[in-house]
């Protein structure tokens, strides 16, 4: 069984599906941050230097174990020369 097939099977469970879908905004945010940083050809360390946010905190945000505030997200966007939307 492939991962896609296993996920499709799990999605039949309404509780699982609800929890999975509730995480979608978080994963979209993480994906957008990583994509923006890579698009700008900036490492986590460089972004850390530009924003004053610890590289370890940026890493935690990108791997889903951090819980950034809107203020932190704004600083990251500013550090990448982008707007937070």
PDB file of N, CA and C in Angstrom:
ATOM      1  N   UNK A   1       0.851  -1.179   0.000  1.00  0.00           N
ATOM      2  CA  UNK A   1       0.000   0.000   0.000  1.00  0.00           C
ATOM      3  C   UNK A   1       0.899   1.246   0.000  1.00  0.00           C
ATOM      4  N   UNK A   2       0.582   2.184  -0.860  1.00  0.00           N
ATOM      5  CA  UNK A   2       1.343   3.428  -0.919  1.00  0.00           C
ATOM      6  C   UNK A   2       0.846   4.400   0.160  1.00  0.00           C
ATOM      7  N   UNK A   3       1.615   5.424   0.415  1.00  0.00           N
ATOM      8  CA  UNK A   3       1.215   6.443   1.374  1.00  0.00           C
ATOM      9  C   UNK A   3      -0.094   7.108   0.942  1.00  0.00           C
ATOM     10  N   UNK A   4      -0.215   7.403  -0.330  1.00  0.00           N
ATOM     11  CA  UNK A   4      -1.433   8.031  -0.852  1.00  0.00           C
ATOM     12  C   UNK A   4      -2.637   7.129  -0.630  1.00  0.00           C
ATOM     13  N   UNK A   5      -2.468   5.844  -0.886  1.00  0.00           N
ATOM     14  CA  UNK A   5      -3.563   4.889  -0.678  1.00  0.00           C
ATOM     15  C   UNK A   5      -3.930   4.797   0.805  1.00  0.00           C
ATOM     16  N   UNK A   6      -2.914   4.776   1.665  1.00  0.00           N
ATOM     17  CA  UNK A   6      -3.162   4.705   3.112  1.00  0.00           C
ATOM     18  C   UNK A   6      -3.894   5.956   3.597  1.00  0.00           C
ATOM     19  N   UNK A   7      -3.496   7.109   3.095  1.00  0.00           N
ATOM     20  CA  UNK A   7      -4.158   8.353   3.477  1.00  0.00           C
ATOM     21  C   UNK A   7      -5.609   8.357   2.995  1.00  0.00           C
ATOM     22  N   UNK A   8      -5.817   7.917   1.783  1.00  0.00           N
ATOM     23  CA  UNK A   8      -7.179   7.851   1.238  1.00  0.00           C
ATOM     24  C   UNK A   8      -8.058   6.948   2.110  1.00  0.00           C
ATOM     25  N   UNK A   9      -7.496   5.853   2.561  1.00  0.00           N
ATOM     26  CA  UNK A   9      -8.230   4.929   3.429  1.00  0.00           C
ATOM     27  C   UNK A   9      -8.539   5.583   4.783  1.00  0.00           C
ATOM     28  N   UNK A  10      -7.556   6.269   5.351  1.00  0.00           N
ATOM     29  CA  UNK A  10      -7.739   6.942   6.643  1.00  0.00           C
ATOM     30  C   UNK A  10      -8.778   8.052   6.557  1.00  0.00           C
ATOM     31  N   UNK A  11      -8.866   8.704   5.403  1.00  0.00           N
ATOM     32  CA  UNK A  11      -9.798   9.821   5.227  1.00  0.00           C
ATOM     33  C   UNK A  11     -11.259   9.365   5.299  1.00  0.00           C
ATOM     34  N   UNK A  12     -11.494   8.082   5.234  1.00  0.00           N
ATOM     35  CA  UNK A  12     -12.854   7.556   5.375  1.00  0.00           C
ATOM     36  C   UNK A  12     -13.345   7.707   6.816  1.00  0.00           C
ATOM     37  N   UNK A  13     -12.394   7.782   7.752  1.00  0.00           N
ATOM     38  CA  UNK A  13     -12.730   7.985   9.169  1.00  0.00           C
ATOM     39  C   UNK A  13     -12.977   9.475   9.374  1.00  0.00           C
ATOM     40  N   UNK A  14     -14.212   9.834   9.762  1.00  0.00           N
ATOM     41  CA  UNK A  14     -14.596  11.245   9.872  1.00  0.00           C
ATOM     42  C   UNK A  14     -13.774  12.002  10.902  1.00  0.00           C
ATOM     43  N   UNK A  15     -13.423  11.367  12.009  1.00  0.00           N
ATOM     44  CA  UNK A  15     -12.615  12.025  13.039  1.00  0.00           C
ATOM     45  C   UNK A  15     -11.218  12.326  12.499  1.00  0.00           C
ATOM     46  N   UNK A  16     -10.613  11.351  11.840  1.00  0.00           N
ATOM     47  CA  UNK A  16      -9.296  11.543  11.242  1.00  0.00           C
ATOM     48  C   UNK A  16      -9.331  12.648  10.208  1.00  0.00           C
ATOM     49  N   UNK A  17     -10.335  12.597   9.332  1.00  0.00           N
ATOM     50  CA  UNK A  17     -10.459  13.585   8.256  1.00  0.00           C
ATOM     51  C   UNK A  17     -10.586  15.002   8.820  1.00  0.00           C
ATOM     52  N   UNK A  18     -11.388  15.161   9.855  1.00  0.00           N
ATOM     53  CA  UNK A  18     -11.574  16.484  10.466  1.00  0.00           C
ATOM     54  C   UNK A  18     -10.255  17.005  11.044  1.00  0.00           C
ATOM     55  N   UNK A  19      -9.529  16.153  11.750  1.00  0.00           N
ATOM     56  CA  UNK A  19      -8.244  16.555  12.342  1.00  0.00           C
ATOM     57  C   UNK A  19      -7.228  16.875  11.248  1.00  0.00           C
ATOM     58  N   UNK A  20      -7.166  16.036  10.232  1.00  0.00           N
ATOM     59  CA  UNK A  20      -6.241  16.244   9.116  1.00  0.00           C
ATOM     60  C   UNK A  20      -6.515  17.584   8.440  1.00  0.00           C
ATOM     61  N   UNK A  21      -7.779  17.856   8.165  1.00  0.00           N
ATOM     62  CA  UNK A  21      -8.144  19.101   7.489  1.00  0.00           C
ATOM     63  C   UNK A  21      -7.923  20.321   8.377  1.00  0.00           C
ATOM     64  N   UNK A  22      -8.007  20.150   9.686  1.00  0.00           N
ATOM     65  CA  UNK A  22      -7.781  21.286  10.590  1.00  0.00           C
ATOM     66  C   UNK A  22      -6.316  21.729  10.577  1.00  0.00           C
ATOM     67  N   UNK A  23      -5.423  20.847  10.165  1.00  0.00           N
ATOM     68  CA  UNK A  23      -3.990  21.177  10.111  1.00  0.00           C
ATOM     69  C   UNK A  23      -3.572  21.824   8.793  1.00  0.00           C
ATOM     70  N   UNK A  24      -4.453  21.821   7.813  1.00  0.00           N
ATOM     71  CA  UNK A  24      -4.118  22.332   6.485  1.00  0.00           C
ATOM     72  C   UNK A  24      -3.607  23.774   6.498  1.00  0.00           C
ATOM     73  N   UNK A  25      -4.239  24.712   7.209  1.00  0.00           N
ATOM     74  CA  UNK A  25      -3.722  26.091   7.204  1.00  0.00           C
ATOM     75  C   UNK A  25      -2.288  26.183   7.744  1.00  0.00           C
ATOM     76  N   UNK A  26      -1.999  25.385   8.763  1.00  0.00           N
ATOM     77  CA  UNK A  26      -0.645  25.384   9.331  1.00  0.00           C
ATOM     78  C   UNK A  26       0.367  24.897   8.299  1.00  0.00           C
ATOM     79  N   UNK A  27       0.046  23.807   7.620  1.00  0.00           N
ATOM     80  CA  UNK A  27       0.958  23.274   6.613  1.00  0.00           C
ATOM     81  C   UNK A  27       1.121  24.227   5.430  1.00  0.00           C
ATOM     82  N   UNK A  28       0.065  24.921   5.061  1.00  0.00           N
ATOM     83  CA  UNK A  28       0.159  25.904   3.977  1.00  0.00           C
ATOM     84  C   UNK A  28       1.092  27.052   4.371  1.00  0.00           C
ATOM     85  N   UNK A  29       0.976  27.502   5.612  1.00  0.00           N
ATOM     86  CA  UNK A  29       1.837  28.574   6.104  1.00  0.00           C
ATOM     87  C   UNK A  29       3.300  28.134   6.090  1.00  0.00           C
ATOM     88  N   UNK A  30       3.560  26.947   6.610  1.00  0.00           N
ATOM     89  CA  UNK A  30       4.926  26.420   6.645  1.00  0.00           C
ATOM     90  C   UNK A  30       5.477  26.305   5.232  1.00  0.00           C
ATOM     91  N   UNK A  31       4.689  25.741   4.349  1.00  0.00           N
ATOM     92  CA  UNK A  31       5.099  25.574   2.947  1.00  0.00           C
ATOM     93  C   UNK A  31       5.403  26.915   2.293  1.00  0.00           C
ATOM     94  N   UNK A  32       4.552  27.891   2.554  1.00  0.00           N
ATOM     95  CA  UNK A  32       4.741  29.227   1.973  1.00  0.00           C
ATOM     96  C   UNK A  32       6.027  29.877   2.478  1.00  0.00           C
ATOM     97  N   UNK A  33       6.302  29.721   3.764  1.00  0.00           N
ATOM     98  CA  UNK A  33       7.528  30.301   4.326  1.00  0.00           C
ATOM     99  C   UNK A  33       8.764  29.664   3.714  1.00  0.00           C
ATOM    100  N   UNK A  34       8.782  28.355   3.653  1.00  0.00           N
ATOM    101  CA  UNK A  34       9.939  27.655   3.072  1.00  0.00           C
ATOM    102  C   UNK A  34      10.110  28.043   1.604  1.00  0.00           C
ATOM    103  N   UNK A  35       9.021  28.055   0.871  1.00  0.00           N
ATOM    104  CA  UNK A  35       9.069  28.410  -0.552  1.00  0.00           C
ATOM    105  C   UNK A  35       9.580  29.839  -0.746  1.00  0.00           C
ATOM    106  N   UNK A  36       9.088  30.767   0.066  1.00  0.00           N
ATOM    107  CA  UNK A  36       9.515  32.166  -0.049  1.00  0.00           C
ATOM    108  C   UNK A  36      10.996  32.305   0.272  1.00  0.00           C
ATOM    109  N   UNK A  37      11.440  31.618   1.312  1.00  0.00           N
ATOM    110  CA  UNK A  37      12.853  31.695   1.696  1.00  0.00           C
ATOM    111  C   UNK A  37      13.739  31.131   0.591  1.00  0.00           C
ATOM    112  N   UNK A  38      13.339  30.010   0.020  1.00  0.00           N
ATOM    113  CA  UNK A  38      14.127  29.406  -1.059  1.00  0.00           C
ATOM    114  C   UNK A  38      14.074  30.258  -2.328  1.00  0.00           C
ATOM    115  N   UNK A  39      12.918  30.852  -2.618  1.00  0.00           N
ATOM    116  CA  UNK A  39      12.777  31.728  -3.774  1.00  0.00           C
ATOM    117  C   UNK A  39      13.745  32.906  -3.676  1.00  0.00           C
ATOM    118  N   UNK A  40      13.927  33.397  -2.463  1.00  0.00           N
ATOM    119  CA  UNK A  40      14.849  34.516  -2.220  1.00  0.00           C
ATOM    120  C   UNK A  40      16.296  34.048  -2.090  1.00  0.00           C
ATOM    121  N   UNK A  41      16.502  32.724  -2.191  1.00  0.00           N
ATOM    122  CA  UNK A  41      17.832  32.138  -2.070  1.00  0.00           C
ATOM    123  C   UNK A  41      18.497  32.539  -0.753  1.00  0.00           C
ATOM    124  N   UNK A  42      17.725  32.404   0.334  1.00  0.00           N
ATOM    125  CA  UNK A  42      18.169  32.798   1.666  1.00  0.00           C
ATOM    126  C   UNK A  42      18.164  31.565   2.567  1.00  0.00           C
ATOM    127  N   UNK A  43      19.231  31.374   3.324  1.00  0.00           N
ATOM    128  CA  UNK A  43      19.276  30.277   4.284  1.00  0.00           C
ATOM    129  C   UNK A  43      18.554  30.694   5.557  1.00  0.00           C
ATOM    130  N   UNK A  44      18.275  29.729   6.399  1.00  0.00           N
ATOM    131  CA  UNK A  44      17.680  30.058   7.692  1.00  0.00           C
ATOM    132  C   UNK A  44      18.598  30.989   8.481  1.00  0.00           C
ATOM    133  N   UNK A  45      19.890  30.752   8.414  1.00  0.00           N
ATOM    134  CA  UNK A  45      20.858  31.584   9.135  1.00  0.00           C
ATOM    135  C   UNK A  45      20.831  33.016   8.609  1.00  0.00           C
ATOM    136  N   UNK A  46      20.779  33.177   7.295  1.00  0.00           N
ATOM    137  CA  UNK A  46      20.723  34.519   6.713  1.00  0.00           C
ATOM    138  C   UNK A  46      19.427  35.230   7.113  1.00  0.00           C
ATOM    139  N   UNK A  47      18.326  34.495   7.127  1.00  0.00           N
ATOM    140  CA  UNK A  47      17.056  35.075   7.535  1.00  0.00           C
ATOM    141  C   UNK A  47      17.096  35.448   9.016  1.00  0.00           C
ATOM    142  N   UNK A  48      17.744  34.624   9.796  1.00  0.00           N
ATOM    143  CA  UNK A  48      17.933  34.906  11.215  1.00  0.00           C
ATOM    144  C   UNK A  48      18.707  36.206  11.409  1.00  0.00           C
ATOM    145  N   UNK A  49      19.797  36.346  10.666  1.00  0.00           N
ATOM    146  CA  UNK A  49      20.611  37.568  10.753  1.00  0.00           C
ATOM    147  C   UNK A  49      19.815  38.800  10.340  1.00  0.00           C
ATOM    148  N   UNK A  50      18.959  38.652   9.336  1.00  0.00           N
ATOM    149  CA  UNK A  50      18.183  39.787   8.820  1.00  0.00           C
ATOM    150  C   UNK A  50      17.034  40.182   9.749  1.00  0.00           C
ATOM    151  N   UNK A  51      16.530  39.232  10.521  1.00  0.00           N
ATOM    152  CA  UNK A  51      15.340  39.494  11.331  1.00  0.00           C
ATOM    153  C   UNK A  51      15.583  39.552  12.832  1.00  0.00           C
ATOM    154  N   UNK A  52      16.712  39.017  13.260  1.00  0.00           N
ATOM    155  CA  UNK A  52      16.968  38.928  14.696  1.00  0.00           C
ATOM    156  C   UNK A  52      16.237  37.769  15.354  1.00  0.00           C
ATOM    157  N   UNK A  53      15.603  36.923  14.556  1.00  0.00           N
ATOM    158  CA  UNK A  53      14.922  35.728  15.066  1.00  0.00           C
ATOM    159  C   UNK A  53      15.936  34.585  15.031  1.00  0.00           C
ATOM    160  N   UNK A  54      16.069  33.878  16.121  1.00  0.00           N
ATOM    161  CA  UNK A  54      17.047  32.788  16.199  1.00  0.00           C
ATOM    162  C   UNK A  54      16.818  31.777  15.079  1.00  0.00           C
ATOM    163  N   UNK A  55      17.914  31.298  14.494  1.00  0.00           N
ATOM    164  CA  UNK A  55      17.822  30.300  13.430  1.00  0.00           C
ATOM    165  C   UNK A  55      17.083  29.068  13.926  1.00  0.00           C
ATOM    166  N   UNK A  56      17.297  28.704  15.177  1.00  0.00           N
ATOM    167  CA  UNK A  56      16.606  27.532  15.733  1.00  0.00           C
ATOM    168  C   UNK A  56      15.096  27.755  15.783  1.00  0.00           C
ATOM    169  N   UNK A  57      14.667  28.996  16.025  1.00  0.00           N
ATOM    170  CA  UNK A  57      13.224  29.294  16.026  1.00  0.00           C
ATOM    171  C   UNK A  57      12.651  29.242  14.617  1.00  0.00           C
ATOM    172  N   UNK A  58      13.415  29.703  13.638  1.00  0.00           N
ATOM    173  CA  UNK A  58      12.974  29.611  12.243  1.00  0.00           C
ATOM    174  C   UNK A  58      12.849  28.143  11.851  1.00  0.00           C
ATOM    175  N   UNK A  59      13.814  27.339  12.252  1.00  0.00           N
ATOM    176  CA  UNK A  59      13.773  25.909  11.977  1.00  0.00           C
ATOM    177  C   UNK A  59      12.533  25.273  12.606  1.00  0.00           C
ATOM    178  N   UNK A  60      12.224  25.639  13.846  1.00  0.00           N
ATOM    179  CA  UNK A  60      11.045  25.084  14.521  1.00  0.00           C
ATOM    180  C   UNK A  60       9.758  25.463  13.782  1.00  0.00           C
ATOM    181  N   UNK A  61       9.693  26.693  13.299  1.00  0.00           N
ATOM    182  CA  UNK A  61       8.514  27.119  12.542  1.00  0.00           C
ATOM    183  C   UNK A  61       8.397  26.286  11.263  1.00  0.00           C
ATOM    184  N   UNK A  62       9.525  26.121  10.577  1.00  0.00           N
ATOM    185  CA  UNK A  62       9.513  25.400   9.305  1.00  0.00           C
ATOM    186  C   UNK A  62       9.253  23.904   9.464  1.00  0.00           C
ATOM    187  N   UNK A  63       9.607  23.330  10.617  1.00  0.00           N
ATOM    188  CA  UNK A  63       9.344  21.894  10.772  1.00  0.00           C
ATOM    189  C   UNK A  63       8.036  21.618  11.510  1.00  0.00           C
ATOM    190  N   UNK A  64       7.297  22.686  11.818  1.00  0.00           N
ATOM    191  CA  UNK A  64       5.970  22.525  12.394  1.00  0.00           C
ATOM    192  C   UNK A  64       5.932  22.424  13.902  1.00  0.00           C
ATOM    193  N   UNK A  65       7.080  22.573  14.566  1.00  0.00           N
ATOM    194  CA  UNK A  65       7.071  22.470  16.024  1.00  0.00           C
ATOM    195  C   UNK A  65       7.055  23.840  16.703  1.00  0.00           C
ATOM    196  N   UNK A  66       7.115  24.902  15.914  1.00  0.00           N
ATOM    197  CA  UNK A  66       7.044  26.254  16.464  1.00  0.00           C
ATOM    198  C   UNK A  66       5.627  26.789  16.394  1.00  0.00           C
ATOM    199  N   UNK A  67       5.371  27.835  17.147  1.00  0.00           N
ATOM    200  CA  UNK A  67       4.053  28.452  17.158  1.00  0.00           C
ATOM    201  C   UNK A  67       4.240  29.966  17.040  1.00  0.00           C
ATOM    202  N   UNK A  68       4.504  30.448  15.813  1.00  0.00           N
ATOM    203  CA  UNK A  68       4.844  31.866  15.654  1.00  0.00           C
ATOM    204  C   UNK A  68       3.641  32.789  15.823  1.00  0.00           C
ATOM    205  N   UNK A  69       3.916  33.955  16.350  1.00  0.00           N
ATOM    206  CA  UNK A  69       2.895  34.987  16.442  1.00  0.00           C
ATOM    207  C   UNK A  69       2.818  35.713  15.097  1.00  0.00           C
ATOM    208  N   UNK A  70       1.787  36.503  14.925  1.00  0.00           N
ATOM    209  CA  UNK A  70       1.665  37.324  13.714  1.00  0.00           C
ATOM    210  C   UNK A  70       2.864  38.277  13.628  1.00  0.00           C
ATOM    211  N   UNK A  71       3.305  38.787  14.754  1.00  0.00           N
ATOM    212  CA  UNK A  71       4.453  39.698  14.785  1.00  0.00           C
ATOM    213  C   UNK A  71       5.716  39.008  14.247  1.00  0.00           C
ATOM    214  N   UNK A  72       5.932  37.773  14.642  1.00  0.00           N
ATOM    215  CA  UNK A  72       7.093  37.006  14.154  1.00  0.00           C
ATOM    216  C   UNK A  72       6.953  36.753  12.659  1.00  0.00           C
ATOM    217  N   UNK A  73       5.766  36.380  12.217  1.00  0.00           N
ATOM    218  CA  UNK A  73       5.543  36.151  10.787  1.00  0.00           C
ATOM    219  C   UNK A  73       5.783  37.433   9.990  1.00  0.00           C
ATOM    220  N   UNK A  74       5.393  38.564  10.544  1.00  0.00           N
ATOM    221  CA  UNK A  74       5.621  39.845   9.880  1.00  0.00           C
ATOM    222  C   UNK A  74       7.118  40.128   9.775  1.00  0.00           C
ATOM    223  N   UNK A  75       7.862  39.853  10.833  1.00  0.00           N
ATOM    224  CA  UNK A  75       9.322  40.052  10.797  1.00  0.00           C
ATOM    225  C   UNK A  75       9.969  39.149   9.749  1.00  0.00           C
ATOM    226  N   UNK A  76       9.491  37.916   9.646  1.00  0.00           N
ATOM    227  CA  UNK A  76      10.035  37.004   8.637  1.00  0.00           C
ATOM    228  C   UNK A  76       9.735  37.518   7.231  1.00  0.00           C
ATOM    229  N   UNK A  77       8.511  37.966   7.012  1.00  0.00           N
ATOM    230  CA  UNK A  77       8.143  38.521   5.705  1.00  0.00           C
ATOM    231  C   UNK A  77       9.002  39.740   5.388  1.00  0.00           C
ATOM    232  N   UNK A  78       9.167  40.625   6.359  1.00  0.00           N
ATOM    233  CA  UNK A  78      10.006  41.810   6.159  1.00  0.00           C
ATOM    234  C   UNK A  78      11.442  41.410   5.814  1.00  0.00           C
ATOM    235  N   UNK A  79      11.944  40.395   6.517  1.00  0.00           N
ATOM    236  CA  UNK A  79      13.310  39.921   6.264  1.00  0.00           C
ATOM    237  C   UNK A  79      13.497  39.358   4.873  1.00  0.00           C
ATOM    238  N   UNK A  80      12.404  38.902   4.283  1.00  0.00           N
ATOM    239  CA  UNK A  80      12.448  38.368   2.913  1.00  0.00           C
ATOM    240  C   UNK A  80      12.054  39.413   1.882  1.00  0.00           C
ATOM    241  N   UNK A  81      11.749  40.628   2.364  1.00  0.00           N
ATOM    242  CA  UNK A  81      11.327  41.697   1.441  1.00  0.00           C
ATOM    243  C   UNK A  81       9.960  41.436   0.857  1.00  0.00           C
ATOM    244  N   UNK A  82       9.088  40.789   1.642  1.00  0.00           N
ATOM    245  CA  UNK A  82       7.758  40.419   1.163  1.00  0.00           C
ATOM    246  C   UNK A  82       6.706  40.973   2.104  1.00  0.00           C
ATOM    247  N   UNK A  83       5.461  40.905   1.654  1.00  0.00           N
ATOM    248  CA  UNK A  83       4.323  41.311   2.471  1.00  0.00           C
ATOM    249  C   UNK A  83       3.649  40.087   3.040  1.00  0.00           C
ATOM    250  N   UNK A  84       3.196  40.191   4.277  1.00  0.00           N
ATOM    251  CA  UNK A  84       2.465  39.097   4.907  1.00  0.00           C
ATOM    252  C   UNK A  84       0.989  39.225   4.540  1.00  0.00           C
ATOM    253  N   UNK A  85       0.452  38.188   3.931  1.00  0.00           N
ATOM    254  CA  UNK A  85      -0.963  38.200   3.544  1.00  0.00           C
ATOM    255  C   UNK A  85      -1.616  36.933   4.040  1.00  0.00           C
TER     256      UNK A  85
END
